[in-house]
N, C-alpha and C. Protein backbone atom coordinates (compact mmCIF):
# COMPACT_ATOMS: atom_id res chain seq x y z
N MET A 1 0.81 -1.17 0.05
CA MET A 1 0.00 0.06 -0.03
C MET A 1 0.93 1.20 0.09
N PHE A 2 1.97 1.28 0.76
CA PHE A 2 2.82 2.27 0.79
C PHE A 2 3.35 2.68 -0.66
N PHE A 3 3.90 1.65 -1.38
CA PHE A 3 4.37 1.83 -2.68
C PHE A 3 3.35 2.38 -3.56
N MET A 4 2.11 2.09 -3.34
CA MET A 4 1.08 2.54 -4.38
C MET A 4 0.91 4.06 -3.97
N MET A 5 0.99 4.46 -2.83
CA MET A 5 0.96 5.85 -2.42
C MET A 5 2.03 6.71 -2.76
N LEU A 6 3.26 6.06 -2.84
CA LEU A 6 4.48 6.62 -3.28
C LEU A 6 4.45 7.37 -4.67
N THR A 7 3.76 6.77 -5.61
CA THR A 7 3.54 7.41 -7.06
C THR A 7 2.68 8.66 -6.80
N LYS A 8 1.82 8.74 -5.91
CA LYS A 8 0.93 9.79 -5.68
C LYS A 8 1.72 11.00 -4.98
N PHE A 9 2.65 10.56 -4.21
CA PHE A 9 3.43 11.46 -3.49
C PHE A 9 4.32 12.33 -4.41
N THR A 10 4.74 11.67 -5.46
CA THR A 10 5.69 12.28 -6.46
C THR A 10 5.01 13.48 -7.07
N VAL A 11 3.75 13.23 -7.21
CA VAL A 11 2.93 14.30 -7.89
C VAL A 11 2.93 15.56 -6.98
N VAL A 12 2.67 15.23 -5.77
CA VAL A 12 2.73 16.36 -4.74
C VAL A 12 3.98 17.12 -4.65
N ILE A 13 5.19 16.36 -4.69
CA ILE A 13 6.55 16.87 -4.73
C ILE A 13 6.68 17.75 -6.07
N GLN A 14 6.29 17.32 -7.14
CA GLN A 14 6.45 18.06 -8.28
C GLN A 14 5.69 19.33 -8.28
N ALA A 15 4.48 19.25 -7.74
CA ALA A 15 3.72 20.58 -7.60
C ALA A 15 4.10 21.56 -6.58
N MET A 16 4.78 21.10 -5.47
CA MET A 16 5.54 21.91 -4.65
C MET A 16 6.75 22.48 -5.27
N GLN A 17 7.43 21.85 -6.11
CA GLN A 17 8.75 22.39 -6.86
C GLN A 17 8.14 23.38 -7.74
N GLU A 18 7.06 23.33 -8.47
CA GLU A 18 6.54 24.29 -9.42
C GLU A 18 6.10 25.52 -8.64
N ILE A 19 5.47 25.50 -7.46
CA ILE A 19 5.12 26.49 -6.69
C ILE A 19 6.33 27.34 -6.16
N ALA A 20 7.30 26.58 -5.76
CA ALA A 20 8.54 27.08 -5.27
C ALA A 20 9.31 27.96 -6.39
N LEU A 21 9.23 27.34 -7.54
CA LEU A 21 9.87 28.12 -8.66
C LEU A 21 9.17 29.50 -8.92
N LYS A 22 7.83 29.31 -9.09
CA LYS A 22 7.02 30.53 -9.31
C LYS A 22 7.03 31.65 -8.22
N ALA A 23 7.19 31.19 -7.05
CA ALA A 23 7.20 32.10 -5.85
C ALA A 23 8.64 32.48 -5.64
N ASN A 24 9.62 32.11 -6.32
CA ASN A 24 11.08 32.25 -6.04
C ASN A 24 11.66 31.99 -4.57
N ILE A 25 11.08 30.76 -4.22
CA ILE A 25 11.50 30.29 -2.99
C ILE A 25 12.66 29.30 -3.18
N ASP A 26 13.70 29.37 -2.29
CA ASP A 26 14.84 28.57 -2.36
C ASP A 26 14.40 27.13 -2.38
N TYR A 27 14.89 26.26 -3.15
CA TYR A 27 14.53 24.94 -3.08
C TYR A 27 14.96 24.16 -1.80
N THR A 28 16.02 24.78 -1.26
CA THR A 28 16.68 24.17 -0.02
C THR A 28 15.36 24.11 1.10
N TYR A 29 14.67 25.11 1.18
CA TYR A 29 13.60 25.06 2.13
C TYR A 29 12.57 24.09 1.79
N ILE A 30 12.16 24.08 0.64
CA ILE A 30 11.16 22.91 0.23
C ILE A 30 11.73 21.54 0.68
N ASN A 31 12.90 21.38 0.28
CA ASN A 31 13.57 20.14 0.52
C ASN A 31 13.55 19.77 1.98
N ILE A 32 13.67 20.78 2.84
CA ILE A 32 13.69 20.51 4.28
C ILE A 32 12.30 20.30 4.79
N VAL A 33 11.30 20.97 4.13
CA VAL A 33 9.90 20.67 4.63
C VAL A 33 9.57 19.21 4.11
N LEU A 34 9.96 18.74 3.04
CA LEU A 34 9.65 17.54 2.64
C LEU A 34 10.31 16.39 3.54
N LYS A 35 11.57 16.63 3.98
CA LYS A 35 12.16 15.67 4.87
C LYS A 35 11.45 15.84 6.37
N ILE A 36 10.99 16.92 6.70
CA ILE A 36 10.31 16.87 7.96
C ILE A 36 8.96 16.15 7.83
N ILE A 37 8.28 16.33 6.72
CA ILE A 37 7.09 15.47 6.49
C ILE A 37 7.35 14.08 6.54
N ALA A 38 8.37 13.69 5.81
CA ALA A 38 8.84 12.22 5.89
C ALA A 38 9.15 11.75 7.25
N ILE A 39 9.87 12.43 7.96
CA ILE A 39 10.19 12.16 9.37
C ILE A 39 8.89 11.85 10.23
N SER A 40 7.89 12.81 10.11
CA SER A 40 6.61 12.68 10.84
C SER A 40 5.96 11.40 10.53
N TYR A 41 5.91 11.23 9.17
CA TYR A 41 5.16 9.88 8.83
C TYR A 41 6.03 8.56 9.30
N ILE A 42 7.19 8.61 9.20
CA ILE A 42 7.89 7.39 9.63
C ILE A 42 7.72 7.21 11.01
N ALA A 43 7.88 8.24 11.75
CA ALA A 43 7.80 8.23 13.25
C ALA A 43 6.28 7.76 13.65
N SER A 44 5.25 8.41 13.00
CA SER A 44 4.07 7.82 13.34
C SER A 44 3.75 6.40 12.93
N PHE A 45 4.28 6.00 11.85
CA PHE A 45 4.18 4.61 11.54
C PHE A 45 4.86 3.67 12.59
N GLY A 46 6.16 4.11 13.05
CA GLY A 46 6.81 3.37 14.08
C GLY A 46 5.90 3.35 15.47
N ILE A 47 5.50 4.53 15.75
CA ILE A 47 4.60 4.65 16.98
C ILE A 47 3.41 3.66 16.98
N GLU A 48 2.82 3.65 15.83
CA GLU A 48 1.55 2.75 15.73
C GLU A 48 1.95 1.20 15.77
N ILE A 49 2.93 0.97 15.22
CA ILE A 49 3.62 -0.54 15.25
C ILE A 49 3.90 -0.75 16.80
N CYS A 50 4.51 0.05 17.39
CA CYS A 50 4.90 -0.16 18.80
C CYS A 50 3.71 -0.37 19.73
N LYS A 51 2.65 0.60 19.45
CA LYS A 51 1.41 0.53 20.26
C LYS A 51 0.67 -0.84 19.96
N ASP A 52 0.76 -1.25 18.69
CA ASP A 52 0.13 -2.49 18.37
C ASP A 52 0.65 -3.61 19.11
N ILE A 53 1.86 -3.72 19.42
CA ILE A 53 2.44 -4.75 19.96
C ILE A 53 2.64 -4.70 21.48
N GLY A 54 1.97 -3.61 22.01
CA GLY A 54 1.97 -3.41 23.48
C GLY A 54 3.24 -2.64 24.08
N GLN A 55 4.02 -2.15 23.19
CA GLN A 55 5.22 -1.34 23.77
C GLN A 55 4.98 0.20 23.72
N SER A 56 4.12 0.77 24.68
CA SER A 56 3.79 2.10 24.51
C SER A 56 5.01 2.92 25.07
N SER A 57 5.87 2.34 26.05
CA SER A 57 6.98 3.08 26.37
C SER A 57 7.95 3.31 25.28
N LEU A 58 8.18 2.22 24.45
CA LEU A 58 9.01 2.51 23.21
C LEU A 58 8.38 3.50 22.24
N ALA A 59 7.18 3.34 22.16
CA ALA A 59 6.39 4.39 21.26
C ALA A 59 6.51 5.79 21.67
N SER A 60 6.56 6.04 22.91
CA SER A 60 6.75 7.48 23.50
C SER A 60 8.18 7.83 23.23
N LYS A 61 9.12 6.91 23.25
CA LYS A 61 10.50 7.35 22.96
C LYS A 61 10.67 7.64 21.36
N ILE A 62 10.01 6.94 20.48
CA ILE A 62 10.02 7.04 19.16
C ILE A 62 9.31 8.65 18.84
N GLU A 63 8.37 8.72 19.53
CA GLU A 63 7.63 10.11 19.38
C GLU A 63 8.49 11.15 19.80
N PHE A 64 9.22 11.14 20.87
CA PHE A 64 10.17 12.18 21.32
C PHE A 64 11.29 12.36 20.37
N ALA A 65 11.85 11.26 19.91
CA ALA A 65 12.96 11.35 18.93
C ALA A 65 12.54 11.91 17.62
N GLY A 66 11.32 11.66 17.17
CA GLY A 66 10.74 12.30 15.99
C GLY A 66 10.54 13.77 16.16
N LYS A 67 10.14 14.27 17.27
CA LYS A 67 9.95 15.73 17.51
C LYS A 67 11.30 16.36 17.58
N VAL A 68 12.44 15.80 18.14
CA VAL A 68 13.64 16.39 18.22
C VAL A 68 14.23 16.38 16.93
N LEU A 69 14.07 15.39 16.07
CA LEU A 69 14.63 15.51 14.66
C LEU A 69 13.97 16.51 13.86
N ILE A 70 12.71 16.63 13.97
CA ILE A 70 11.88 17.71 13.35
C ILE A 70 12.42 19.05 13.69
N LEU A 71 12.60 19.30 15.04
CA LEU A 71 13.10 20.56 15.49
C LEU A 71 14.52 20.92 14.90
N ILE A 72 15.25 19.88 14.91
CA ILE A 72 16.70 20.08 14.38
C ILE A 72 16.55 20.44 12.86
N MET A 73 15.72 19.71 12.16
CA MET A 73 15.57 20.00 10.65
C MET A 73 15.00 21.33 10.25
N ALA A 74 14.18 21.86 11.25
CA ALA A 74 13.53 23.16 11.11
C ALA A 74 14.45 24.27 11.42
N ILE A 75 15.60 24.23 12.06
CA ILE A 75 16.39 25.26 12.36
C ILE A 75 16.70 26.18 11.29
N PRO A 76 17.11 25.80 10.10
CA PRO A 76 17.39 26.69 8.96
C PRO A 76 16.15 27.55 8.62
N ILE A 77 14.86 26.98 8.68
CA ILE A 77 13.78 27.66 8.32
C ILE A 77 13.42 28.83 9.35
N ILE A 78 13.52 28.29 10.61
CA ILE A 78 13.46 29.32 11.80
C ILE A 78 14.44 30.48 11.67
N MET A 79 15.54 30.15 11.25
CA MET A 79 16.51 31.26 11.15
C MET A 79 16.19 32.12 10.09
N ALA A 80 15.63 31.66 8.93
CA ALA A 80 15.36 32.43 7.75
C ALA A 80 14.28 33.40 8.11
N VAL A 81 13.31 32.84 8.79
CA VAL A 81 12.11 33.64 9.10
C VAL A 81 12.48 34.66 10.21
N MET A 82 13.39 34.43 11.02
CA MET A 82 13.87 35.48 12.00
C MET A 82 14.64 36.55 11.38
N GLU A 83 15.52 36.12 10.29
CA GLU A 83 16.16 37.10 9.58
C GLU A 83 15.27 38.01 8.77
N MET A 84 14.22 37.49 8.21
CA MET A 84 13.26 38.25 7.61
C MET A 84 12.61 39.33 8.42
N VAL A 85 12.14 38.73 9.65
CA VAL A 85 11.54 39.70 10.58
C VAL A 85 12.51 40.80 11.06
N LEU A 86 13.71 40.49 11.24
CA LEU A 86 14.75 41.62 11.59
C LEU A 86 14.91 42.48 10.57
N LYS A 87 14.80 42.00 9.23
CA LYS A 87 14.88 43.06 8.26
C LYS A 87 13.74 43.96 8.16
N LEU A 88 12.57 43.62 8.57
CA LEU A 88 11.37 44.43 8.54
C LEU A 88 11.37 45.51 9.62
N LEU A 89 12.07 45.16 10.74
CA LEU A 89 12.08 46.02 11.96
C LEU A 89 13.01 47.18 11.58
N PRO A 90 12.76 48.42 12.04
CA PRO A 90 13.63 49.63 11.77
C PRO A 90 14.81 49.52 12.71
């Protein structure tokens, strides 16, 4: 089922690339967002598997690790937003 949805996901990626080109957004940020989305889906999948086999403590550790990875991946985007805000302030 995952591989069937993978072909649909490529359409979404191509649409995001087109929007980024039209909006003149650096593709690096789009790439980071896609990685963050992938991390969240993989972590969610791992959490559900752990819950299904009765390992809720392991599920909570996977959830925490996923959140930390997402935060680390988001640092360049957060920095870019902060730089943009600082440019707007007098």
